[in-house]
Amino acid sequence: MNRSDRGAVVVAVLVVIAVTLSYYPIWAGLAQDSGPGAGANQDTKEIRVNAKKYEYDPAVITVKQGDRVKLIITALDHDHGFKIDAFHIDELLKKGESTTIEFTADTTGIFPFQCSHFCGLGHKGMKGELIVEAGSQGSSEEHSDASAEQFSTR
């Protein structure tokens, strides 16, 4: 291989590297979206929940259909549990530790959750609700304003 051939090969390799690097951010984004739980809506809704003395705070959690939900639950007084049958979730919550539970809210509806680890006399009353609302193009405020307008013109 003579000098001019080597120069052409070096230039070609540098062009390939430059083109590859210029597309890297796109590849990185595709790699993240192709993992488990990938869907049309990749918003992650992070919600902190405290479990203590027979209650969850908040006791009602509202998300949109398609949201990736990340619950960070801390048992404050002693061990508790967190169970949502509809999403096949059943986790032990150790006292003083944060437990992270992630899932995709792919079904609309109202889903009860409860403590699944006996925690005392009020255990059976330790409940809450996960509300998964249908996703929409606009925000819920815009939707309710539009509904109000519709009824006020009649």
N, C-alpha and C. Protein backbone atom coordinates (compact mmCIF):
# COMPACT_ATOMS: atom_id res chain seq x y z
N MET A 1 0.86 -1.17 0.00
CA MET A 1 0.00 0.00 0.00
C MET A 1 0.90 1.23 0.00
N ASN A 2 0.67 2.12 -0.93
CA ASN A 2 1.52 3.30 -0.99
C ASN A 2 0.94 4.42 -0.12
N ARG A 3 1.69 5.53 -0.06
CA ARG A 3 1.31 6.64 0.84
C ARG A 3 -0.05 7.23 0.50
N SER A 4 -0.35 7.40 -0.75
CA SER A 4 -1.62 8.02 -1.12
C SER A 4 -2.79 7.10 -0.77
N ASP A 5 -2.59 5.78 -0.88
CA ASP A 5 -3.65 4.83 -0.49
C ASP A 5 -3.89 4.86 1.01
N ARG A 6 -2.81 4.93 1.79
CA ARG A 6 -2.94 5.00 3.25
C ARG A 6 -3.65 6.28 3.66
N GLY A 7 -3.35 7.38 3.02
CA GLY A 7 -4.00 8.66 3.33
C GLY A 7 -5.50 8.59 3.08
N ALA A 8 -5.90 7.95 1.98
CA ALA A 8 -7.32 7.81 1.66
C ALA A 8 -8.03 6.92 2.68
N VAL A 9 -7.36 5.85 3.10
CA VAL A 9 -7.94 4.94 4.10
C VAL A 9 -8.11 5.67 5.43
N VAL A 10 -7.11 6.45 5.84
CA VAL A 10 -7.19 7.20 7.09
C VAL A 10 -8.34 8.20 7.04
N VAL A 11 -8.48 8.90 5.92
CA VAL A 11 -9.58 9.87 5.77
C VAL A 11 -10.92 9.15 5.84
N ALA A 12 -11.04 8.01 5.16
CA ALA A 12 -12.29 7.26 5.17
C ALA A 12 -12.64 6.80 6.59
N VAL A 13 -11.66 6.31 7.33
CA VAL A 13 -11.90 5.87 8.70
C VAL A 13 -12.33 7.04 9.57
N LEU A 14 -11.70 8.19 9.42
CA LEU A 14 -12.07 9.38 10.20
C LEU A 14 -13.49 9.84 9.88
N VAL A 15 -13.88 9.76 8.61
CA VAL A 15 -15.24 10.13 8.23
C VAL A 15 -16.25 9.19 8.87
N VAL A 16 -15.96 7.89 8.84
CA VAL A 16 -16.86 6.90 9.46
C VAL A 16 -16.99 7.17 10.96
N ILE A 17 -15.88 7.46 11.63
CA ILE A 17 -15.92 7.76 13.06
C ILE A 17 -16.72 9.02 13.33
N ALA A 18 -16.51 10.06 12.54
CA ALA A 18 -17.23 11.32 12.73
C ALA A 18 -18.73 11.13 12.53
N VAL A 19 -19.11 10.40 11.51
CA VAL A 19 -20.53 10.15 11.25
C VAL A 19 -21.13 9.33 12.39
N THR A 20 -20.42 8.31 12.84
CA THR A 20 -20.91 7.47 13.93
C THR A 20 -21.12 8.29 15.20
N LEU A 21 -20.16 9.13 15.54
CA LEU A 21 -20.28 9.94 16.75
C LEU A 21 -21.39 10.98 16.64
N SER A 22 -21.64 11.48 15.45
CA SER A 22 -22.70 12.48 15.30
C SER A 22 -24.08 11.88 15.52
N TYR A 23 -24.24 10.57 15.30
CA TYR A 23 -25.51 9.90 15.52
C TYR A 23 -25.63 9.25 16.89
N TYR A 24 -24.60 9.31 17.71
CA TYR A 24 -24.62 8.65 19.02
C TYR A 24 -25.80 9.04 19.89
N PRO A 25 -26.15 10.34 20.03
CA PRO A 25 -27.29 10.67 20.89
C PRO A 25 -28.58 10.00 20.45
N ILE A 26 -28.77 9.84 19.15
CA ILE A 26 -29.97 9.17 18.66
C ILE A 26 -29.92 7.70 19.08
N TRP A 27 -28.78 7.04 18.90
CA TRP A 27 -28.65 5.64 19.30
C TRP A 27 -28.86 5.46 20.79
N ALA A 28 -28.33 6.38 21.58
CA ALA A 28 -28.48 6.28 23.04
C ALA A 28 -29.95 6.35 23.42
N GLY A 29 -30.70 7.24 22.77
CA GLY A 29 -32.13 7.37 23.05
C GLY A 29 -32.89 6.13 22.66
N LEU A 30 -32.54 5.54 21.52
CA LEU A 30 -33.21 4.32 21.09
C LEU A 30 -32.92 3.17 22.03
N ALA A 31 -31.74 3.08 22.52
CA ALA A 31 -31.37 2.00 23.43
C ALA A 31 -32.17 2.11 24.73
N GLN A 32 -32.40 3.32 25.22
CA GLN A 32 -33.16 3.49 26.46
C GLN A 32 -34.62 3.12 26.25
N ASP A 33 -35.20 3.45 25.09
CA ASP A 33 -36.61 3.20 24.85
C ASP A 33 -36.92 1.74 24.53
N SER A 34 -35.91 0.94 24.21
CA SER A 34 -36.18 -0.42 23.79
C SER A 34 -36.20 -1.41 24.95
N GLY A 35 -36.01 -0.95 26.17
CA GLY A 35 -35.97 -1.83 27.33
C GLY A 35 -37.34 -2.26 27.77
N PRO A 36 -37.40 -3.06 28.84
CA PRO A 36 -38.68 -3.52 29.36
C PRO A 36 -39.54 -2.34 29.79
N GLY A 37 -40.84 -2.45 29.54
CA GLY A 37 -41.76 -1.38 29.94
C GLY A 37 -41.80 -0.24 28.97
N ALA A 38 -41.13 -0.34 27.80
CA ALA A 38 -41.15 0.75 26.82
C ALA A 38 -42.53 0.82 26.22
N GLY A 39 -43.03 2.02 26.05
CA GLY A 39 -44.34 2.21 25.46
C GLY A 39 -44.42 3.57 24.81
N ALA A 40 -45.65 3.95 24.43
CA ALA A 40 -45.83 5.20 23.72
C ALA A 40 -45.55 6.39 24.62
N ASN A 41 -45.93 6.30 25.89
CA ASN A 41 -45.76 7.42 26.81
C ASN A 41 -44.68 7.04 27.82
N GLN A 42 -43.54 7.70 27.78
CA GLN A 42 -42.43 7.33 28.65
C GLN A 42 -42.28 8.29 29.84
N ASP A 43 -43.32 9.06 30.16
CA ASP A 43 -43.24 9.92 31.33
C ASP A 43 -43.13 9.05 32.58
N THR A 44 -42.25 9.44 33.50
CA THR A 44 -42.15 8.72 34.76
C THR A 44 -42.72 9.62 35.84
N LYS A 45 -43.69 9.12 36.55
CA LYS A 45 -44.30 9.87 37.63
C LYS A 45 -43.77 9.28 38.93
N GLU A 46 -42.95 10.07 39.64
CA GLU A 46 -42.36 9.62 40.90
C GLU A 46 -43.22 10.12 42.05
N ILE A 47 -43.62 9.19 42.91
CA ILE A 47 -44.51 9.52 44.01
C ILE A 47 -43.93 8.94 45.30
N ARG A 48 -43.78 9.79 46.30
CA ARG A 48 -43.30 9.35 47.61
C ARG A 48 -44.50 9.05 48.50
N VAL A 49 -44.45 7.90 49.16
CA VAL A 49 -45.55 7.45 50.01
C VAL A 49 -44.96 7.05 51.35
N ASN A 50 -45.64 7.42 52.44
CA ASN A 50 -45.27 6.97 53.77
C ASN A 50 -46.29 5.94 54.24
N ALA A 51 -45.80 4.87 54.85
CA ALA A 51 -46.65 3.86 55.45
C ALA A 51 -46.42 3.92 56.95
N LYS A 52 -47.52 4.14 57.71
CA LYS A 52 -47.38 4.24 59.16
C LYS A 52 -48.72 3.98 59.83
N LYS A 53 -48.67 3.36 60.98
CA LYS A 53 -49.82 3.12 61.85
C LYS A 53 -51.15 3.04 61.09
N TYR A 54 -51.24 2.05 60.23
CA TYR A 54 -52.47 1.65 59.57
C TYR A 54 -52.96 2.62 58.49
N GLU A 55 -52.04 3.37 57.90
CA GLU A 55 -52.45 4.24 56.79
C GLU A 55 -51.28 4.50 55.84
N TYR A 56 -51.65 4.84 54.62
CA TYR A 56 -50.68 5.30 53.63
C TYR A 56 -50.90 6.79 53.44
N ASP A 57 -49.83 7.52 53.24
CA ASP A 57 -49.94 8.96 52.99
C ASP A 57 -49.10 9.29 51.77
N PRO A 58 -49.72 9.60 50.63
CA PRO A 58 -51.16 9.75 50.40
C PRO A 58 -51.85 8.40 50.26
N ALA A 59 -53.16 8.41 50.54
CA ALA A 59 -53.95 7.19 50.43
C ALA A 59 -54.56 7.05 49.04
N VAL A 60 -54.58 8.13 48.28
CA VAL A 60 -55.07 8.10 46.91
C VAL A 60 -53.95 8.59 45.99
N ILE A 61 -53.61 7.77 45.02
CA ILE A 61 -52.55 8.09 44.06
C ILE A 61 -53.20 8.13 42.68
N THR A 62 -53.01 9.24 41.97
CA THR A 62 -53.61 9.41 40.66
C THR A 62 -52.52 9.57 39.60
N VAL A 63 -52.62 8.77 38.53
CA VAL A 63 -51.68 8.84 37.42
C VAL A 63 -52.46 8.74 36.12
N LYS A 64 -51.76 8.95 35.01
CA LYS A 64 -52.37 8.84 33.68
C LYS A 64 -52.03 7.48 33.08
N GLN A 65 -52.94 6.96 32.27
CA GLN A 65 -52.68 5.70 31.58
C GLN A 65 -51.43 5.86 30.71
N GLY A 66 -50.56 4.89 30.78
CA GLY A 66 -49.32 4.92 30.02
C GLY A 66 -48.14 5.48 30.80
N ASP A 67 -48.42 6.13 31.95
CA ASP A 67 -47.32 6.65 32.76
C ASP A 67 -46.48 5.51 33.31
N ARG A 68 -45.20 5.76 33.36
CA ARG A 68 -44.29 4.88 34.09
C ARG A 68 -44.34 5.40 35.52
N VAL A 69 -44.75 4.57 36.46
CA VAL A 69 -44.94 4.99 37.85
C VAL A 69 -43.79 4.46 38.69
N LYS A 70 -43.24 5.36 39.50
CA LYS A 70 -42.17 4.99 40.42
C LYS A 70 -42.63 5.40 41.82
N LEU A 71 -43.03 4.41 42.60
CA LEU A 71 -43.44 4.66 43.98
C LEU A 71 -42.23 4.46 44.88
N ILE A 72 -41.97 5.43 45.74
CA ILE A 72 -40.91 5.31 46.73
C ILE A 72 -41.61 5.33 48.08
N ILE A 73 -41.71 4.15 48.69
CA ILE A 73 -42.52 3.97 49.89
C ILE A 73 -41.61 3.73 51.08
N THR A 74 -41.86 4.48 52.16
CA THR A 74 -41.07 4.33 53.38
C THR A 74 -41.99 3.94 54.52
N ALA A 75 -41.67 2.82 55.17
CA ALA A 75 -42.39 2.39 56.37
C ALA A 75 -41.75 3.11 57.55
N LEU A 76 -42.52 3.92 58.24
CA LEU A 76 -41.96 4.78 59.28
C LEU A 76 -41.91 4.13 60.67
N ASP A 77 -42.92 3.33 61.03
CA ASP A 77 -42.99 2.85 62.41
C ASP A 77 -42.56 1.39 62.59
N HIS A 78 -42.92 0.52 61.65
CA HIS A 78 -42.46 -0.87 61.65
C HIS A 78 -42.72 -1.46 60.27
N ASP A 79 -42.41 -2.74 60.07
CA ASP A 79 -42.59 -3.34 58.75
C ASP A 79 -44.04 -3.31 58.33
N HIS A 80 -44.26 -3.04 57.04
CA HIS A 80 -45.58 -3.07 56.43
C HIS A 80 -45.44 -3.79 55.10
N GLY A 81 -46.52 -3.82 54.34
CA GLY A 81 -46.50 -4.38 53.00
C GLY A 81 -47.22 -3.44 52.06
N PHE A 82 -47.07 -3.66 50.76
CA PHE A 82 -47.78 -2.87 49.75
C PHE A 82 -48.17 -3.82 48.63
N LYS A 83 -49.49 -3.93 48.40
CA LYS A 83 -49.99 -4.89 47.42
C LYS A 83 -51.05 -4.26 46.54
N ILE A 84 -50.84 -4.37 45.22
CA ILE A 84 -51.86 -4.00 44.23
C ILE A 84 -52.04 -5.23 43.35
N ASP A 85 -53.11 -5.97 43.56
CA ASP A 85 -53.34 -7.21 42.81
C ASP A 85 -53.37 -6.99 41.30
N ALA A 86 -54.01 -5.91 40.86
CA ALA A 86 -54.19 -5.67 39.42
C ALA A 86 -52.87 -5.53 38.67
N PHE A 87 -51.82 -5.10 39.35
CA PHE A 87 -50.51 -4.92 38.72
C PHE A 87 -49.49 -5.94 39.21
N HIS A 88 -49.97 -6.97 39.91
CA HIS A 88 -49.11 -8.06 40.41
C HIS A 88 -47.96 -7.53 41.26
N ILE A 89 -48.30 -6.62 42.16
CA ILE A 89 -47.29 -6.02 43.05
C ILE A 89 -47.58 -6.48 44.47
N ASP A 90 -46.58 -6.98 45.15
CA ASP A 90 -46.67 -7.35 46.55
C ASP A 90 -45.27 -7.25 47.14
N GLU A 91 -45.01 -6.16 47.86
CA GLU A 91 -43.66 -5.88 48.38
C GLU A 91 -43.69 -5.73 49.89
N LEU A 92 -42.66 -6.24 50.53
CA LEU A 92 -42.45 -6.02 51.95
C LEU A 92 -41.75 -4.68 52.13
N LEU A 93 -42.24 -3.87 53.05
CA LEU A 93 -41.65 -2.56 53.33
C LEU A 93 -40.98 -2.65 54.69
N LYS A 94 -39.67 -2.61 54.70
CA LYS A 94 -38.90 -2.71 55.95
C LYS A 94 -38.89 -1.37 56.66
N LYS A 95 -39.03 -1.40 57.99
CA LYS A 95 -39.05 -0.19 58.80
C LYS A 95 -37.80 0.67 58.53
N GLY A 96 -38.05 1.96 58.25
CA GLY A 96 -36.96 2.91 58.07
C GLY A 96 -36.28 2.87 56.72
N GLU A 97 -36.66 1.97 55.85
CA GLU A 97 -36.04 1.86 54.53
C GLU A 97 -37.02 2.30 53.46
N SER A 98 -36.49 2.92 52.42
CA SER A 98 -37.33 3.27 51.26
C SER A 98 -37.31 2.09 50.30
N THR A 99 -38.50 1.72 49.84
CA THR A 99 -38.65 0.65 48.86
C THR A 99 -39.17 1.27 47.58
N THR A 100 -38.51 0.99 46.46
CA THR A 100 -38.94 1.53 45.17
C THR A 100 -39.68 0.47 44.39
N ILE A 101 -40.87 0.85 43.91
CA ILE A 101 -41.70 -0.04 43.12
C ILE A 101 -41.99 0.68 41.81
N GLU A 102 -41.65 0.06 40.69
CA GLU A 102 -41.87 0.67 39.38
C GLU A 102 -42.76 -0.23 38.54
N PHE A 103 -43.69 0.41 37.80
CA PHE A 103 -44.57 -0.31 36.90
C PHE A 103 -45.16 0.69 35.90
N THR A 104 -45.77 0.17 34.85
CA THR A 104 -46.45 1.01 33.88
C THR A 104 -47.95 0.92 34.13
N ALA A 105 -48.59 2.06 34.27
CA ALA A 105 -50.03 2.12 34.50
C ALA A 105 -50.73 1.98 33.16
N ASP A 106 -50.87 0.74 32.68
CA ASP A 106 -51.37 0.52 31.33
C ASP A 106 -52.88 0.30 31.24
N THR A 107 -53.55 0.22 32.37
CA THR A 107 -54.99 -0.02 32.40
C THR A 107 -55.68 1.06 33.21
N THR A 108 -56.75 1.64 32.65
CA THR A 108 -57.48 2.67 33.39
C THR A 108 -58.39 2.02 34.43
N GLY A 109 -58.68 2.77 35.48
CA GLY A 109 -59.58 2.28 36.50
C GLY A 109 -59.14 2.70 37.89
N ILE A 110 -59.87 2.21 38.87
CA ILE A 110 -59.55 2.46 40.27
C ILE A 110 -59.13 1.11 40.86
N PHE A 111 -57.91 1.09 41.37
CA PHE A 111 -57.33 -0.17 41.86
C PHE A 111 -56.98 -0.02 43.33
N PRO A 112 -57.60 -0.86 44.17
CA PRO A 112 -57.28 -0.78 45.60
C PRO A 112 -55.88 -1.31 45.89
N PHE A 113 -55.24 -0.72 46.89
CA PHE A 113 -54.00 -1.29 47.41
C PHE A 113 -54.14 -1.41 48.91
N GLN A 114 -53.36 -2.32 49.50
CA GLN A 114 -53.46 -2.55 50.94
C GLN A 114 -52.15 -3.09 51.47
N CYS A 115 -52.06 -3.08 52.79
CA CYS A 115 -50.90 -3.64 53.48
C CYS A 115 -51.00 -5.16 53.38
N SER A 116 -49.89 -5.78 52.99
CA SER A 116 -49.87 -7.23 52.84
C SER A 116 -48.98 -7.92 53.87
N HIS A 117 -48.58 -7.17 54.90
CA HIS A 117 -47.76 -7.73 55.98
C HIS A 117 -48.43 -7.34 57.29
N PHE A 118 -48.86 -8.32 58.06
CA PHE A 118 -49.59 -8.01 59.30
C PHE A 118 -48.81 -7.02 60.15
N CYS A 119 -49.48 -5.92 60.49
CA CYS A 119 -48.79 -4.83 61.19
C CYS A 119 -49.49 -4.39 62.48
N GLY A 120 -50.49 -5.15 62.92
CA GLY A 120 -51.17 -4.80 64.16
C GLY A 120 -52.69 -4.85 64.00
N LEU A 121 -53.38 -4.37 65.04
CA LEU A 121 -54.84 -4.45 65.07
C LEU A 121 -55.53 -3.71 63.93
N GLY A 122 -54.96 -2.64 63.44
CA GLY A 122 -55.57 -1.87 62.35
C GLY A 122 -55.13 -2.30 60.96
N HIS A 123 -54.45 -3.42 60.86
CA HIS A 123 -53.89 -3.89 59.59
C HIS A 123 -54.92 -3.95 58.47
N LYS A 124 -56.10 -4.50 58.75
CA LYS A 124 -57.12 -4.67 57.69
C LYS A 124 -57.62 -3.34 57.15
N GLY A 125 -57.48 -2.27 57.92
CA GLY A 125 -57.94 -0.96 57.47
C GLY A 125 -56.87 -0.16 56.74
N MET A 126 -55.68 -0.73 56.60
CA MET A 126 -54.58 -0.02 55.95
C MET A 126 -54.71 -0.20 54.44
N LYS A 127 -55.43 0.75 53.81
CA LYS A 127 -55.79 0.64 52.40
C LYS A 127 -55.64 1.98 51.69
N GLY A 128 -55.69 1.92 50.38
CA GLY A 128 -55.67 3.12 49.55
C GLY A 128 -56.16 2.78 48.16
N GLU A 129 -56.07 3.77 47.26
CA GLU A 129 -56.52 3.57 45.89
C GLU A 129 -55.51 4.16 44.91
N LEU A 130 -55.27 3.42 43.85
CA LEU A 130 -54.52 3.91 42.70
C LEU A 130 -55.55 4.20 41.63
N ILE A 131 -55.60 5.46 41.18
CA ILE A 131 -56.53 5.85 40.12
C ILE A 131 -55.70 6.08 38.86
N VAL A 132 -56.02 5.31 37.82
CA VAL A 132 -55.36 5.48 36.53
C VAL A 132 -56.38 6.08 35.57
N GLU A 133 -56.14 7.35 35.22
CA GLU A 133 -57.04 8.09 34.33
C GLU A 133 -56.61 7.88 32.89
N ALA A 134 -57.58 7.95 31.99
CA ALA A 134 -57.27 7.85 30.57
C ALA A 134 -56.38 9.01 30.15
N GLY A 135 -55.37 8.73 29.36
CA GLY A 135 -54.50 9.79 28.84
C GLY A 135 -55.27 10.63 27.85
N SER A 136 -54.91 11.92 27.74
CA SER A 136 -55.58 12.80 26.78
C SER A 136 -54.57 13.70 26.11
N GLN A 137 -54.98 14.38 25.06
CA GLN A 137 -54.10 15.28 24.32
C GLN A 137 -53.74 16.48 25.17
N GLY A 138 -54.73 17.08 25.85
CA GLY A 138 -54.49 18.26 26.67
C GLY A 138 -54.43 17.88 28.12
N SER A 139 -54.20 18.84 28.96
CA SER A 139 -54.15 18.57 30.40
C SER A 139 -55.56 18.37 30.93
N SER A 140 -55.68 17.85 32.13
CA SER A 140 -56.99 17.64 32.73
C SER A 140 -57.69 18.97 32.98
N GLU A 141 -56.92 20.03 33.25
CA GLU A 141 -57.53 21.34 33.45
C GLU A 141 -58.17 21.83 32.16
N GLU A 142 -57.45 21.65 31.02
CA GLU A 142 -58.01 22.07 29.74
C GLU A 142 -59.27 21.28 29.46
N HIS A 143 -59.27 19.98 29.76
CA HIS A 143 -60.42 19.13 29.49
C HIS A 143 -61.62 19.57 30.32
N SER A 144 -61.42 19.87 31.60
CA SER A 144 -62.54 20.28 32.44
C SER A 144 -63.06 21.65 32.01
N ASP A 145 -62.18 22.56 31.56
CA ASP A 145 -62.63 23.86 31.05
C ASP A 145 -63.48 23.68 29.80
N ALA A 146 -63.07 22.76 28.93
CA ALA A 146 -63.81 22.52 27.70
C ALA A 146 -65.19 21.94 28.03
N SER A 147 -65.26 21.06 29.02
CA SER A 147 -66.54 20.48 29.41
C SER A 147 -67.46 21.55 29.98
N ALA A 148 -66.90 22.44 30.79
CA ALA A 148 -67.70 23.52 31.38
C ALA A 148 -68.25 24.43 30.30
N GLU A 149 -67.43 24.74 29.29
CA GLU A 149 -67.89 25.59 28.19
C GLU A 149 -69.02 24.93 27.45
N GLN A 150 -68.91 23.63 27.18
CA GLN A 150 -69.91 22.89 26.43
C GLN A 150 -71.27 22.97 27.12
N PHE A 151 -71.29 22.83 28.45
CA PHE A 151 -72.55 22.84 29.16
C PHE A 151 -73.10 24.25 29.36
N SER A 152 -72.23 25.25 29.39
CA SER A 152 -72.71 26.61 29.63
C SER A 152 -73.35 27.22 28.41
N THR A 153 -73.13 26.66 27.20
CA THR A 153 -73.70 27.24 25.99
C THR A 153 -75.07 26.67 25.68
N ARG A 154 -75.51 25.68 26.43
CA ARG A 154 -76.82 25.06 26.16
C ARG A 154 -77.92 25.73 26.89
